[in-house]
Protein backbone atom coordinates (compact mmCIF):
# COMPACT_ATOMS: atom_id res chain seq x y z
CA UNK A 1 -30.65 -13.03 -11.75
CA UNK A 2 -28.20 -12.23 -8.97
CA UNK A 3 -25.55 -14.88 -8.35
CA UNK A 4 -25.68 -16.28 -4.82
CA UNK A 5 -22.91 -18.11 -3.07
CA UNK A 6 -25.07 -21.21 -2.70
CA UNK A 7 -25.93 -21.33 -6.42
CA UNK A 8 -22.32 -20.83 -7.41
CA UNK A 9 -21.27 -23.74 -5.24
CA UNK A 10 -24.22 -25.95 -6.10
CA UNK A 11 -23.99 -25.50 -9.87
CA UNK A 12 -20.18 -25.64 -9.73
CA UNK A 13 -20.09 -22.95 -12.39
CA UNK A 14 -16.94 -21.43 -10.98
CA UNK A 15 -14.82 -24.08 -9.27
CA UNK A 16 -12.31 -21.58 -7.97
CA UNK A 17 -15.08 -19.98 -5.89
CA UNK A 18 -14.91 -22.97 -3.54
CA UNK A 19 -11.50 -21.87 -2.31
CA UNK A 20 -11.98 -18.17 -2.89
CA UNK A 21 -15.13 -17.88 -0.79
CA UNK A 22 -14.73 -20.46 1.91
CA UNK A 23 -15.55 -17.68 4.31
CA UNK A 24 -18.95 -17.16 2.74
CA UNK A 25 -19.60 -20.89 2.79
CA UNK A 26 -18.96 -20.92 6.51
CA UNK A 27 -21.24 -17.92 7.06
CA UNK A 28 -24.03 -19.59 5.08
CA UNK A 29 -23.61 -22.84 7.03
CA UNK A 30 -23.50 -20.99 10.32
CA UNK A 31 -26.71 -19.08 9.61
CA UNK A 32 -28.60 -22.12 8.32
CA UNK A 33 -27.63 -24.36 11.23
CA UNK A 34 -27.98 -21.89 14.07
CA UNK A 35 -30.64 -19.50 12.74
CA UNK A 36 -29.04 -16.60 14.55
CA UNK A 37 -27.60 -13.30 13.45
CA UNK A 38 -25.31 -12.93 16.45
CA UNK A 39 -21.57 -12.81 15.78
CA UNK A 40 -19.17 -15.42 17.13
CA UNK A 41 -17.94 -14.52 20.60
CA UNK A 42 -15.04 -12.21 21.20
CA UNK A 43 -12.86 -12.93 24.17
CA UNK A 44 -11.51 -10.40 26.60
CA UNK A 45 -7.78 -9.84 26.22
CA UNK A 46 -6.11 -8.19 29.20
CA UNK A 47 -3.44 -5.55 28.79
CA UNK A 48 0.05 -6.32 30.01
CA UNK A 49 2.92 -4.15 31.14
CA UNK A 50 5.43 -6.88 30.28
CA UNK A 51 6.60 -8.06 26.88
CA UNK A 52 3.55 -9.43 25.09
CA UNK A 53 3.14 -13.11 24.36
CA UNK A 54 0.49 -15.77 24.02
CA UNK A 55 -0.07 -16.86 27.56
CA UNK A 56 -2.68 -19.61 27.39
CA UNK A 57 -5.44 -21.23 25.35
CA UNK A 58 -8.47 -21.19 27.62
CA UNK A 59 -12.05 -21.46 26.28
CA UNK A 60 -14.37 -18.76 27.49
CA UNK A 61 -17.94 -17.65 27.03
CA UNK A 62 -17.16 -14.00 27.70
CA UNK A 63 -17.61 -11.85 24.64
CA UNK A 64 -17.29 -8.25 23.61
CA UNK A 65 -20.01 -6.48 21.62
CA UNK A 66 -19.39 -5.08 18.13
CA UNK A 67 -18.01 -1.59 17.77
CA UNK A 68 -20.44 1.26 17.38
CA UNK A 69 -19.84 4.76 16.16
CA UNK A 70 -21.14 7.47 18.51
CA UNK A 71 -20.32 11.06 17.58
CA UNK A 72 -17.36 9.83 15.57
CA UNK A 73 -15.85 7.84 18.48
CA UNK A 74 -15.44 4.10 18.91
CA UNK A 75 -17.55 2.57 21.68
CA UNK A 76 -19.20 -0.73 22.57
CA UNK A 77 -22.82 -1.87 22.75
CA UNK A 78 -24.08 -4.46 25.20
CA UNK A 79 -25.04 -8.08 24.51
CA UNK A 80 -25.96 -10.99 26.76
CA UNK A 81 -22.67 -12.54 27.89
CA UNK A 82 -24.34 -15.84 28.75
CA UNK A 83 -25.92 -16.54 25.37
CA UNK A 84 -24.18 -19.28 23.39
CA UNK A 85 -24.07 -18.92 19.60
CA UNK A 86 -20.84 -20.77 18.82
CA UNK A 87 -20.89 -23.66 16.37
CA UNK A 88 -20.03 -27.24 17.20
CA UNK A 89 -16.42 -26.99 15.99
CA UNK A 90 -13.34 -26.28 18.01
CA UNK A 91 -12.39 -22.64 18.52
CA UNK A 92 -8.86 -21.35 18.79
CA UNK A 93 -9.03 -19.04 21.79
CA UNK A 94 -5.94 -17.05 22.71
CA UNK A 95 -5.25 -14.74 25.61
CA UNK A 96 -3.53 -11.82 23.91
CA UNK A 97 -1.35 -9.04 25.28
CA UNK A 98 -1.18 -5.44 24.14
CA UNK A 99 2.13 -4.21 22.74
CA UNK A 100 3.76 -2.22 25.57
CA UNK A 101 5.32 1.23 25.62
CA UNK A 102 4.26 4.74 24.58
CA UNK A 103 5.34 4.15 20.94
CA UNK A 104 3.37 0.92 20.54
CA UNK A 105 0.43 2.66 18.83
CA UNK A 106 2.60 3.27 15.74
CA UNK A 107 4.74 0.12 15.89
CA UNK A 108 6.08 -1.24 12.57
CA UNK A 109 7.98 -4.44 13.38
CA UNK A 110 10.35 -4.55 10.39
CA UNK A 111 11.19 -0.82 10.52
CA UNK A 112 11.30 -0.36 14.30
CA UNK A 113 13.69 -3.20 15.09
CA UNK A 114 16.08 -0.98 17.04
CA UNK A 115 18.31 -3.84 18.14
CA UNK A 116 19.07 -4.75 14.51
CA UNK A 117 19.42 -1.11 13.48
CA UNK A 118 21.93 -0.36 16.25
CA UNK A 119 24.06 -3.31 15.18
CA UNK A 120 24.49 -2.04 11.61
CA UNK A 121 28.08 -1.33 10.63
CA UNK A 122 27.12 1.61 8.40
CA UNK A 123 24.27 4.02 7.70
CA UNK A 124 25.83 5.58 4.62
CA UNK A 125 23.33 4.10 2.17
CA UNK A 126 20.19 4.37 4.32
CA UNK A 127 20.45 0.79 5.56
CA UNK A 128 18.85 1.87 8.83
CA UNK A 129 15.69 2.86 6.93
CA UNK A 130 15.38 -0.55 5.27
CA UNK A 131 13.68 -3.71 6.51
CA UNK A 132 15.12 -5.50 9.55
CA UNK A 133 12.43 -7.92 10.67
CA UNK A 134 12.52 -9.33 14.21
CA UNK A 135 12.74 -13.06 14.81
CA UNK A 136 10.39 -14.42 15.93
CA UNK A 137 7.55 -12.21 14.75
CA UNK A 138 5.96 -10.23 17.59
CA UNK A 139 2.60 -11.56 18.72
CA UNK A 140 1.11 -8.60 20.51
CA UNK A 141 -1.81 -6.41 19.46
CA UNK A 142 -1.40 -2.71 18.76
CA UNK A 143 -3.33 -0.38 21.12
CA UNK A 144 -5.25 2.60 19.80
CA UNK A 145 -4.14 6.20 20.36
CA UNK A 146 -6.06 8.00 23.09
CA UNK A 147 -9.21 9.56 21.68
CA UNK A 148 -9.14 7.55 18.44
CA UNK A 149 -12.18 8.19 16.22
CA UNK A 150 -13.66 6.61 13.13
CA UNK A 151 -11.62 8.20 10.30
CA UNK A 152 -13.06 11.14 8.39
CA UNK A 153 -14.71 9.69 5.24
CA UNK A 154 -13.45 10.25 1.72
CA UNK A 155 -13.37 12.72 -0.06
CA UNK A 156 -13.45 15.04 2.95
CA UNK A 157 -10.45 13.20 4.39
CA UNK A 158 -8.19 14.42 1.60
CA UNK A 159 -8.22 17.85 3.20
CA UNK A 160 -8.75 17.10 6.91
CA UNK A 161 -8.28 14.27 9.40
CA UNK A 162 -8.73 13.80 13.15
CA UNK A 163 -5.66 14.95 15.07
CA UNK A 164 -6.19 12.27 17.74
CA UNK A 165 -5.84 9.53 15.11
CA UNK A 166 -2.36 10.74 14.08
CA UNK A 167 -1.26 12.98 16.96
CA UNK A 168 2.04 14.20 15.51
CA UNK A 169 3.02 17.87 15.30
CA UNK A 170 6.61 17.80 14.04
CA UNK A 171 5.67 18.46 10.40
CA UNK A 172 3.24 21.19 11.47
CA UNK A 173 6.16 23.08 13.01
CA UNK A 174 8.90 21.97 10.63
CA UNK A 175 6.97 22.91 7.48
CA UNK A 176 4.74 25.66 8.87
CA UNK A 177 5.77 28.12 6.14
CA UNK A 178 5.09 25.65 3.33
CA UNK A 179 1.44 24.66 3.91
CA UNK A 180 2.06 20.93 4.18
CA UNK A 181 -0.19 20.49 7.20
CA UNK A 182 -1.84 22.77 9.79
CA UNK A 183 -3.88 22.33 12.96
CA UNK A 184 -7.43 23.55 13.45
CA UNK A 185 -9.26 22.50 16.61
CA UNK A 186 -9.62 18.70 16.57
CA UNK A 187 -8.37 18.42 13.00
CA UNK A 188 -5.20 18.41 10.96
CA UNK A 189 -5.71 20.31 7.70
CA UNK A 190 -3.90 19.73 4.40
CA UNK A 191 -4.11 22.89 2.25
CA UNK A 192 -2.40 21.31 -0.77
CA UNK A 193 0.90 23.05 -0.31
CA UNK A 194 4.46 21.80 -0.14
CA UNK A 195 8.08 22.72 -0.64
CA UNK A 196 7.64 22.87 -4.41
CA UNK A 197 3.93 23.80 -4.49
CA UNK A 198 4.15 27.47 -3.58
CA UNK A 199 1.08 28.31 -5.66
CA UNK A 200 -0.76 25.14 -4.68
CA UNK A 201 -0.59 21.59 -5.96
CA UNK A 202 -3.33 22.11 -8.57
CA UNK A 203 -1.30 24.87 -10.23
CA UNK A 204 1.78 22.66 -10.09
CA UNK A 205 0.01 19.72 -11.80
CA UNK A 206 -1.23 22.01 -14.57
CA UNK A 207 2.25 23.49 -14.94
CA UNK A 208 3.78 20.06 -15.53
CA UNK A 209 1.29 19.16 -18.26
CA UNK A 210 1.74 22.57 -19.88
CA UNK A 211 5.47 21.88 -20.16
CA UNK A 212 4.90 18.43 -21.65
CA UNK A 213 1.34 18.06 -23.03
CA UNK A 214 1.87 14.46 -24.12
CA UNK A 215 1.85 13.45 -20.44
CA UNK A 216 -1.96 13.43 -20.75
CA UNK A 217 -2.93 13.03 -17.09
CA UNK A 218 -5.45 10.20 -16.68
CA UNK A 219 -5.20 8.94 -20.25
CA UNK A 220 -1.65 8.23 -21.40
CA UNK A 221 -0.29 8.66 -17.88
CA UNK A 222 -2.23 6.59 -15.37
CA UNK A 223 0.23 4.97 -12.89
CA UNK A 224 2.95 7.11 -11.30
CA UNK A 225 5.46 6.94 -8.46
CA UNK A 226 6.02 9.93 -6.19
CA UNK A 227 9.46 9.65 -4.56
CA UNK A 228 9.83 11.40 -1.21
CA UNK A 229 6.17 12.31 -1.35
CA UNK A 230 5.81 14.37 1.83
CA UNK A 231 2.17 14.08 2.94
CA UNK A 232 1.19 12.87 -0.58
CA UNK A 233 -0.85 15.92 -1.63
CA UNK A 234 0.53 15.55 -5.18
CA UNK A 235 -0.92 12.06 -5.47
CA UNK A 236 -4.10 13.05 -3.64
CA UNK A 237 -4.96 15.80 -6.10
CA UNK A 238 -4.03 13.69 -9.14
CA UNK A 239 -6.85 11.30 -8.23
CA UNK A 240 -9.22 13.93 -9.64
CA UNK A 241 -7.56 13.31 -13.02
CA UNK A 242 -7.87 9.50 -12.93
CA UNK A 243 -4.20 9.13 -12.04
CA UNK A 244 -3.27 6.67 -9.29
CA UNK A 245 -0.03 7.45 -7.49
CA UNK A 246 2.17 5.15 -5.45
CA UNK A 247 3.50 7.69 -2.96
CA UNK A 248 6.45 6.58 -0.88
CA UNK A 249 8.93 7.94 1.61
CA UNK A 250 11.04 6.46 4.41
CA UNK A 251 10.14 6.48 8.06
CA UNK A 252 12.50 9.30 9.02
CA UNK A 253 12.64 12.64 10.78
CA UNK A 254 9.67 13.87 8.70
CA UNK A 255 7.42 12.36 11.31
CA UNK A 256 4.31 10.47 10.17
CA UNK A 257 4.20 11.76 6.57
CA UNK A 258 3.11 8.36 5.18
CA UNK A 259 0.76 7.86 8.13
CA UNK A 260 -0.86 11.20 7.27
CA UNK A 261 -1.27 10.09 3.66
CA UNK A 262 -2.96 6.81 4.55
CA UNK A 263 -5.21 8.43 7.13
CA UNK A 264 -6.26 10.87 4.38
CA UNK A 265 -7.19 7.93 2.12
CA UNK A 266 -4.32 8.41 -0.35
CA UNK A 267 -2.25 5.45 -1.63
CA UNK A 268 1.15 5.37 0.08
CA UNK A 269 3.82 3.04 1.42
CA UNK A 270 6.98 3.26 3.49
CA UNK A 271 10.15 2.64 1.50
CA UNK A 272 13.61 4.01 0.78
CA UNK A 273 16.10 3.84 -2.08
CA UNK A 274 19.01 2.48 -0.06
CA UNK A 275 20.88 -0.73 -0.83
CA UNK A 276 17.97 -2.88 -2.09
CA UNK A 277 15.54 -2.75 -4.96
CA UNK A 278 12.14 -1.20 -4.48
CA UNK A 279 9.39 -3.82 -4.33
CA UNK A 280 8.09 -3.07 -7.84
CA UNK A 281 8.61 -4.91 -11.15
CA UNK A 282 10.70 -3.73 -14.09
CA UNK A 283 9.13 -1.21 -16.50
CA UNK A 284 6.13 -0.56 -14.25
CA UNK A 285 5.47 3.20 -13.88
CA UNK A 286 4.31 5.58 -16.60
CA UNK A 287 5.87 8.51 -14.76
CA UNK A 288 8.14 9.04 -11.75
CA UNK A 289 8.07 12.31 -9.85
CA UNK A 290 10.49 13.79 -7.35
CA UNK A 291 9.86 17.21 -5.83
CA UNK A 292 12.98 18.06 -3.85
CA UNK A 293 13.05 14.51 -2.52
CA UNK A 294 16.63 14.76 -1.21
CA UNK A 295 17.83 11.59 -2.98
CA UNK A 296 21.46 11.69 -4.13
CA UNK A 297 20.79 10.21 -7.55
CA UNK A 298 24.46 10.01 -8.44
CA UNK A 299 25.45 8.36 -5.16
CA UNK A 300 26.98 4.87 -4.99
CA UNK A 301 27.91 4.95 -8.67
CA UNK A 302 24.46 6.15 -9.72
CA UNK A 303 22.60 3.13 -8.33
CA UNK A 304 19.59 5.17 -7.08
CA UNK A 305 18.94 6.55 -10.57
CA UNK A 306 19.57 3.15 -12.15
CA UNK A 307 16.84 1.80 -9.88
CA UNK A 308 14.40 4.42 -11.18
CA UNK A 309 15.45 3.48 -14.70
CA UNK A 310 14.61 -0.16 -13.92
CA UNK A 311 11.05 0.53 -12.77
CA UNK A 312 10.24 3.33 -15.28
CA UNK A 313 8.31 2.19 -18.34
CA UNK A 314 10.17 2.62 -21.68
CA UNK A 315 9.02 5.97 -23.08
CA UNK A 316 8.02 7.08 -19.58
CA UNK A 317 9.25 10.29 -17.99
CA UNK A 318 11.04 11.30 -14.81
CA UNK A 319 10.12 14.72 -13.42
CA UNK A 320 12.74 16.31 -11.18
CA UNK A 321 11.33 19.40 -9.53
CA UNK A 322 14.03 20.80 -7.32
CA UNK A 323 15.29 24.25 -6.47
CA UNK A 324 18.92 23.03 -6.17
CA UNK A 325 18.97 22.27 -9.91
CA UNK A 326 19.05 25.99 -10.65
CA UNK A 327 21.00 27.43 -7.72
CA UNK A 328 24.33 29.11 -8.25
CA UNK A 329 26.32 27.78 -5.29
CA UNK A 330 29.17 25.37 -6.05
CA UNK A 331 27.68 22.36 -4.30
CA UNK A 332 24.46 22.48 -6.27
CA UNK A 333 26.32 23.09 -9.50
CA UNK A 334 28.22 19.85 -8.91
CA UNK A 335 24.98 18.00 -8.19
CA UNK A 336 23.52 19.26 -11.44
CA UNK A 337 26.66 18.40 -13.43
CA UNK A 338 26.64 14.87 -12.01
CA UNK A 339 22.97 14.50 -12.91
CA UNK A 340 23.61 15.66 -16.47
CA UNK A 341 26.44 13.16 -16.92
CA UNK A 342 24.51 10.28 -15.36
CA UNK A 343 21.29 10.78 -17.32
CA UNK A 344 23.24 11.04 -20.56
CA UNK A 345 25.06 7.81 -19.75
CA UNK A 346 21.75 5.92 -19.45
CA UNK A 347 20.30 7.59 -22.57
CA UNK A 348 17.66 9.69 -20.86
CA UNK A 349 16.69 12.68 -22.98
CA UNK A 350 15.68 16.09 -21.60
CA UNK A 351 12.25 16.86 -23.09
CA UNK A 352 11.34 19.92 -20.96
CA UNK A 353 13.17 22.34 -18.67
CA UNK A 354 11.83 25.55 -17.17
CA UNK A 355 11.03 27.73 -14.17
CA UNK A 356 7.48 28.25 -12.95
CA UNK A 357 6.19 31.65 -11.82
CA UNK A 358 7.41 31.05 -8.26
CA UNK A 359 10.95 30.30 -9.39
CA UNK A 360 10.83 26.52 -8.91
CA UNK A 361 12.99 24.63 -11.39
CA UNK A 362 11.58 21.75 -13.41
CA UNK A 363 13.36 19.31 -15.69
CA UNK A 364 11.67 16.33 -17.40
CA UNK A 365 13.60 13.35 -18.71
CA UNK A 366 12.33 10.62 -21.04
CA UNK A 367 13.53 7.01 -20.98
CA UNK A 368 14.35 5.46 -24.38
CA UNK A 369 12.05 2.86 -25.93
CA UNK A 370 14.82 0.51 -27.05
CA UNK A 371 18.30 -0.59 -25.95
CA UNK A 372 19.93 0.57 -29.19
CA UNK A 373 21.25 3.74 -27.55
CA UNK A 374 23.10 1.68 -24.94
CA UNK A 375 25.04 -0.14 -27.63
CA UNK A 376 26.06 3.08 -29.40
CA UNK A 377 27.65 4.76 -26.37
CA UNK A 378 31.34 5.55 -26.60
CA UNK A 379 31.88 4.40 -23.03
CA UNK A 380 30.08 1.32 -21.70
CA UNK A 381 29.51 2.85 -18.28
CA UNK A 382 27.28 1.91 -16.59
CA UNK A 383 27.23 -1.45 -18.37
CA UNK A 384 24.11 -3.14 -19.65
CA UNK A 385 22.98 -5.89 -17.28
CA UNK A 386 23.78 -9.48 -18.16
CA UNK A 387 20.33 -10.98 -18.56
CA UNK A 388 21.45 -14.44 -17.46
CA UNK A 389 22.88 -13.05 -14.21
CA UNK A 390 20.28 -10.31 -13.75
CA UNK A 391 18.03 -10.98 -10.73
CA UNK A 392 14.38 -11.55 -11.59
CA UNK A 393 13.04 -10.73 -8.15
CA UNK A 394 12.63 -7.42 -6.33
CA UNK A 395 12.47 -8.80 -2.79
CA UNK A 396 15.63 -8.33 -0.71
CA UNK A 397 17.59 -7.89 -3.94
CA UNK A 398 20.64 -5.57 -4.00
CA UNK A 399 20.49 -2.51 -6.22
CA UNK A 400 21.92 -2.94 -9.70
CA UNK A 401 25.05 -1.20 -10.91
CA UNK A 402 24.00 -1.79 -14.50
CA UNK A 403 21.29 -0.69 -16.96
CA UNK A 404 18.31 -2.99 -17.27
CA UNK A 405 17.86 -4.03 -20.90
CA UNK A 406 14.63 -2.81 -22.53
CA UNK A 407 12.34 -5.57 -23.90
CA UNK A 408 12.37 -5.75 -27.69
CA UNK A 409 8.56 -5.93 -27.92
CA UNK A 410 7.76 -3.02 -25.61
CA UNK A 411 4.69 -0.92 -26.41
CA UNK A 412 2.86 1.78 -24.46
CA UNK A 413 -0.41 0.63 -22.86
CA UNK A 414 -3.70 1.67 -24.39
CA UNK A 415 -5.16 4.86 -22.84
CA UNK A 416 -7.02 4.63 -19.55
CA UNK A 417 -9.63 3.31 -18.93
CA UNK A 418 -9.34 0.94 -21.92
CA UNK A 419 -6.05 -0.46 -20.59
CA UNK A 420 -7.87 -1.90 -17.58
CA UNK A 421 -9.42 -4.60 -19.78
CA UNK A 422 -6.79 -4.89 -22.50
CA UNK A 423 -5.57 -8.48 -22.71
CA UNK A 424 -1.82 -8.88 -22.14
CA UNK A 425 0.13 -11.19 -24.43
CA UNK A 426 0.39 -14.78 -23.25
CA UNK A 427 -2.61 -14.77 -20.89
CA UNK A 428 -5.40 -16.74 -22.60
CA UNK A 429 -7.62 -16.78 -19.50
CA UNK A 430 -7.37 -13.03 -18.83
CA UNK A 431 -10.86 -12.07 -20.04
CA UNK A 432 -12.42 -15.02 -18.21
CA UNK A 433 -10.67 -13.96 -14.99
CA UNK A 434 -11.84 -10.37 -15.47
CA UNK A 435 -15.44 -11.47 -16.11
CA UNK A 436 -15.56 -13.77 -13.10
CA UNK A 437 -14.22 -11.14 -10.72
CA UNK A 438 -16.69 -8.60 -12.07
CA UNK A 439 -19.57 -10.98 -11.34
CA UNK A 440 -18.25 -11.88 -7.89
CA UNK A 441 -17.80 -8.26 -6.84
CA UNK A 442 -21.11 -7.10 -8.29
CA UNK A 443 -23.35 -9.99 -7.26
CA UNK A 444 -21.68 -11.33 -4.14
CA UNK A 445 -19.46 -8.77 -2.46
CA UNK A 446 -21.63 -5.72 -3.04
CA UNK A 447 -24.98 -7.43 -2.53
CA UNK A 448 -24.53 -10.19 0.03
CA UNK A 449 -21.83 -9.31 2.55
CA UNK A 450 -23.53 -6.61 4.59
CA UNK A 451 -20.51 -4.32 4.17
CA UNK A 452 -21.17 -0.59 3.99
CA UNK A 453 -18.91 0.08 1.01
CA UNK A 454 -19.40 3.84 1.28
CA UNK A 455 -17.24 3.68 4.44
CA UNK A 456 -14.45 1.70 2.75
CA UNK A 457 -11.56 3.70 1.30
CA UNK A 458 -8.16 1.97 1.75
CA UNK A 459 -8.25 -1.63 0.54
CA UNK A 460 -5.55 -4.27 0.22
CA UNK A 461 -5.79 -7.41 -1.91
CA UNK A 462 -3.35 -9.75 -0.16
CA UNK A 463 -3.00 -12.12 -3.12
CA UNK A 464 -4.00 -10.05 -6.11
CA UNK A 465 -3.42 -12.41 -9.05
CA UNK A 466 -4.09 -10.36 -12.19
CA UNK A 467 -5.74 -7.60 -10.18
CA UNK A 468 -9.27 -8.76 -11.01
CA UNK A 469 -10.74 -7.72 -7.67
CA UNK A 470 -9.24 -4.22 -7.98
CA UNK A 471 -10.34 -3.92 -11.60
CA UNK A 472 -13.91 -4.83 -10.67
CA UNK A 473 -13.86 -2.21 -7.90
CA UNK A 474 -12.75 0.83 -9.91
CA UNK A 475 -16.22 2.38 -9.91
CA UNK A 476 -16.30 2.39 -6.10
CA UNK A 477 -14.83 5.35 -4.15
CA UNK A 478 -11.86 3.28 -2.95
CA UNK A 479 -8.35 2.31 -4.02
CA UNK A 480 -6.69 -1.10 -3.86
CA UNK A 481 -3.10 -1.94 -2.99
CA UNK A 482 -2.51 -5.15 -4.94
CA UNK A 483 -0.02 -7.45 -3.21
CA UNK A 484 1.70 -10.25 -5.09
CA UNK A 485 3.28 -12.66 -2.58
CA UNK A 486 6.91 -13.44 -3.40
CA UNK A 487 6.27 -17.20 -3.38
CA UNK A 488 3.40 -16.95 -5.88
CA UNK A 489 3.48 -16.46 -9.69
CA UNK A 490 4.74 -12.98 -10.60
CA UNK A 491 1.64 -11.23 -11.92
CA UNK A 492 2.57 -7.73 -10.73
CA UNK A 493 3.70 -6.56 -14.22
CA UNK A 494 0.19 -7.38 -15.50
CA UNK A 495 -1.35 -5.35 -12.67
CA UNK A 496 0.70 -2.27 -13.58
CA UNK A 497 -0.02 -2.75 -17.29
CA UNK A 498 -3.72 -2.61 -16.40
CA UNK A 499 -3.27 0.79 -14.76
CA UNK A 500 -3.36 -0.44 -11.16
CA UNK A 501 -0.76 -0.30 -8.38
CA UNK A 502 0.83 -2.94 -6.19
CA UNK A 503 3.86 -4.31 -4.39
CA UNK A 504 5.67 -7.58 -3.71
CA UNK A 505 5.52 -8.93 -0.16
CA UNK A 506 6.14 -12.03 1.93
CA UNK A 507 3.21 -12.54 4.30
CA UNK A 508 5.47 -14.45 6.69
CA UNK A 509 6.82 -10.98 7.59
CA UNK A 510 5.35 -7.64 8.60
CA UNK A 511 4.29 -5.08 6.01
CA UNK A 512 5.97 -1.68 5.58
CA UNK A 513 3.01 0.35 6.74
CA UNK A 514 1.65 1.97 9.87
CA UNK A 515 -0.98 0.40 12.11
CA UNK A 516 -4.59 1.19 11.12
CA UNK A 517 -3.74 1.71 7.43
CA UNK A 518 -6.52 -0.25 5.70
CA UNK A 519 -10.30 -0.44 5.98
CA UNK A 520 -10.56 -3.86 4.35
CA UNK A 521 -8.23 -6.75 3.54
CA UNK A 522 -9.21 -9.11 0.74
CA UNK A 523 -7.68 -12.55 0.33
CA UNK A 524 -8.12 -15.42 -2.10
CA UNK A 525 -6.03 -18.60 -2.40
CA UNK A 526 -3.39 -17.31 0.03
CA UNK A 527 -3.44 -19.03 3.39
CA UNK A 528 -3.39 -22.66 2.29
CA UNK A 529 0.02 -22.08 0.75
CA UNK A 530 1.18 -19.72 3.47
CA UNK A 531 0.70 -22.18 6.32
CA UNK A 532 3.33 -24.46 4.76
CA UNK A 533 5.91 -21.71 5.21
CA UNK A 534 5.09 -19.96 8.48
CA UNK A 535 2.59 -19.71 11.31
CA UNK A 536 -0.87 -18.52 10.32
CA UNK A 537 -1.09 -16.84 13.70
CA UNK A 538 1.70 -14.41 12.73
CA UNK A 539 -0.22 -13.38 9.62
CA UNK A 540 -3.37 -12.87 11.69
CA UNK A 541 -1.51 -10.57 14.09
CA UNK A 542 -0.17 -8.56 11.15
CA UNK A 543 -3.61 -8.29 9.59
CA UNK A 544 -4.97 -7.02 12.88
CA UNK A 545 -2.14 -4.48 13.08
CA UNK A 546 -2.78 -2.87 9.70
CA UNK A 547 -6.59 -2.87 9.83
CA UNK A 548 -8.58 0.13 11.01
CA UNK A 549 -11.16 -0.40 13.73
CA UNK A 550 -14.66 0.16 12.38
CA UNK A 551 -18.30 -0.74 12.92
CA UNK A 552 -19.28 -4.02 11.23
CA UNK A 553 -22.87 -5.26 11.10
CA UNK A 554 -23.75 -8.44 12.98
CA UNK A 555 -24.74 -10.37 9.85
CA UNK A 556 -21.13 -10.54 8.65
CA UNK A 557 -18.66 -11.08 11.46
CA UNK A 558 -15.86 -13.61 11.71
CA UNK A 559 -13.07 -11.64 13.29
CA UNK A 560 -13.56 -8.67 15.55
CA UNK A 561 -11.44 -6.17 17.43
CA UNK A 562 -12.07 -3.66 20.19
CA UNK A 563 -9.59 -0.99 21.29
CA UNK A 564 -6.59 -2.81 19.89
CA UNK A 565 -6.50 -5.62 22.46
CA UNK A 566 -9.45 -7.93 21.84
CA UNK A 567 -9.82 -10.54 19.13
CA UNK A 568 -11.32 -13.93 18.45
CA UNK A 569 -9.70 -16.16 15.85
CA UNK A 570 -12.42 -18.54 14.79
CA UNK A 571 -11.01 -21.62 13.00
CA UNK A 572 -8.63 -19.27 11.25
CA UNK A 573 -6.54 -21.97 9.55
CA UNK A 574 -9.53 -23.35 7.65
CA UNK A 575 -10.67 -20.23 5.86
CA UNK A 576 -9.79 -17.80 3.14
CA UNK A 577 -11.70 -14.69 3.96
CA UNK A 578 -12.39 -11.03 3.78
CA UNK A 579 -11.23 -9.72 7.15
CA UNK A 580 -12.53 -6.57 8.75
CA UNK A 581 -12.38 -5.28 12.29
């Protein structure tokens, strides 16, 4: 028998559901007491040419209809503005302003803080590409680009997206000879090319596995990191092999590359190897890939490569595909010599090295599975990290100048997909958590929410725990970015061990992603703790910024948005919820 929300709560079979699904409890109460399928009202939010702010809290009966999709474009349908379907509680009604300026449609608060960036004393180590969050957090809503349309659905979106949704042409011109991205009518096309993919990305993926068969795409190798990913075609095509790739690149002169990736429905995030650790745990990735990613691995005493060593799983491999490795000019010779010396000093072993048919150089390194090699080096440089002094967090933590010690009990995960349900050591409730999330997703989320899951591609779990929600969703045509808040228990290593991806984040700040990145945000047991640290309103604004506009049916509607400047926050501090706009 299907599990209903009411039965779960009545029988008290799963106590944690009470907090997890407070949203659904509200919806059930609302329907039973009002006997109406109309959504709560949305209030008109005027645009402003001045700096946005919350201007007043004035109740209103004016409402905006839900979004409808007509010929791929967002539009509104009409409803009776005088009908009253609100409940008896108090509503938080806010008169919002739209973020001003021609660049507001792509605004990323912590990466576009120009005042902070201009005040930096140096840009030598990419500090200007790192996080510099404004204080206080901006409270304006992001407008839509002109002509914005409902995104092209997956899997078609891997190869083509609407130009109006990401109207940037710099990469089209800058990389026009390399097949990164092209224009065709109303679309941007992604042929699967790139600087290193002269014979196509599929050929390149096969070439890598031919050089090192034990990679075993989609079995032994499941979770990888693509450094300087371009438009993320490498990660996009690896999805066909059951490999999930965390593609990342900075927000730099390669305009909108990560925005392209997310619009295509490919996992990606904005980041840079500068002065601070990447927001991933130690020993996380099965494989790290860099195709001419322009990172000076030997710079700053080798700290960028030491950071890769930290997050690469023992026994994992680093693939450096770069033409400069095999050039004959003096500068590139010195780069290669420095790389040889540095990799030897951290005990990486070359396990493959070759040219492909197009002349692209490839070298594959393997990380050791124990720290014994570090102790046998003639020169203790770089030193092994002092475990007592070694930082345990990866949030605003300076890069290490030492080698992270390898755990003595390290083992490679079981092959995918078995690793998804393999119990980690020290987690007695792991199987129970997995079972409960499977039942919730199957019997509640998929059956009772009125969400058209076929239109959902990019998903974020804002407080992922052990990744149970993502694990229960692996059979759906979507991917989940699992977020572990920095003030919550560190479960991100478990998530990577399961073959899933994720990041650390503080939800009191803005996320490193473009507006309109995600189709659905999922949250459980997050906001009660969060409101003790910062304003819930700031988190709501950020959620609105990163969500894509979409059509949502009337039977499941708590928060809505129209054209980037209209929203109703309905008792937002009382609920943990799935939030869609």
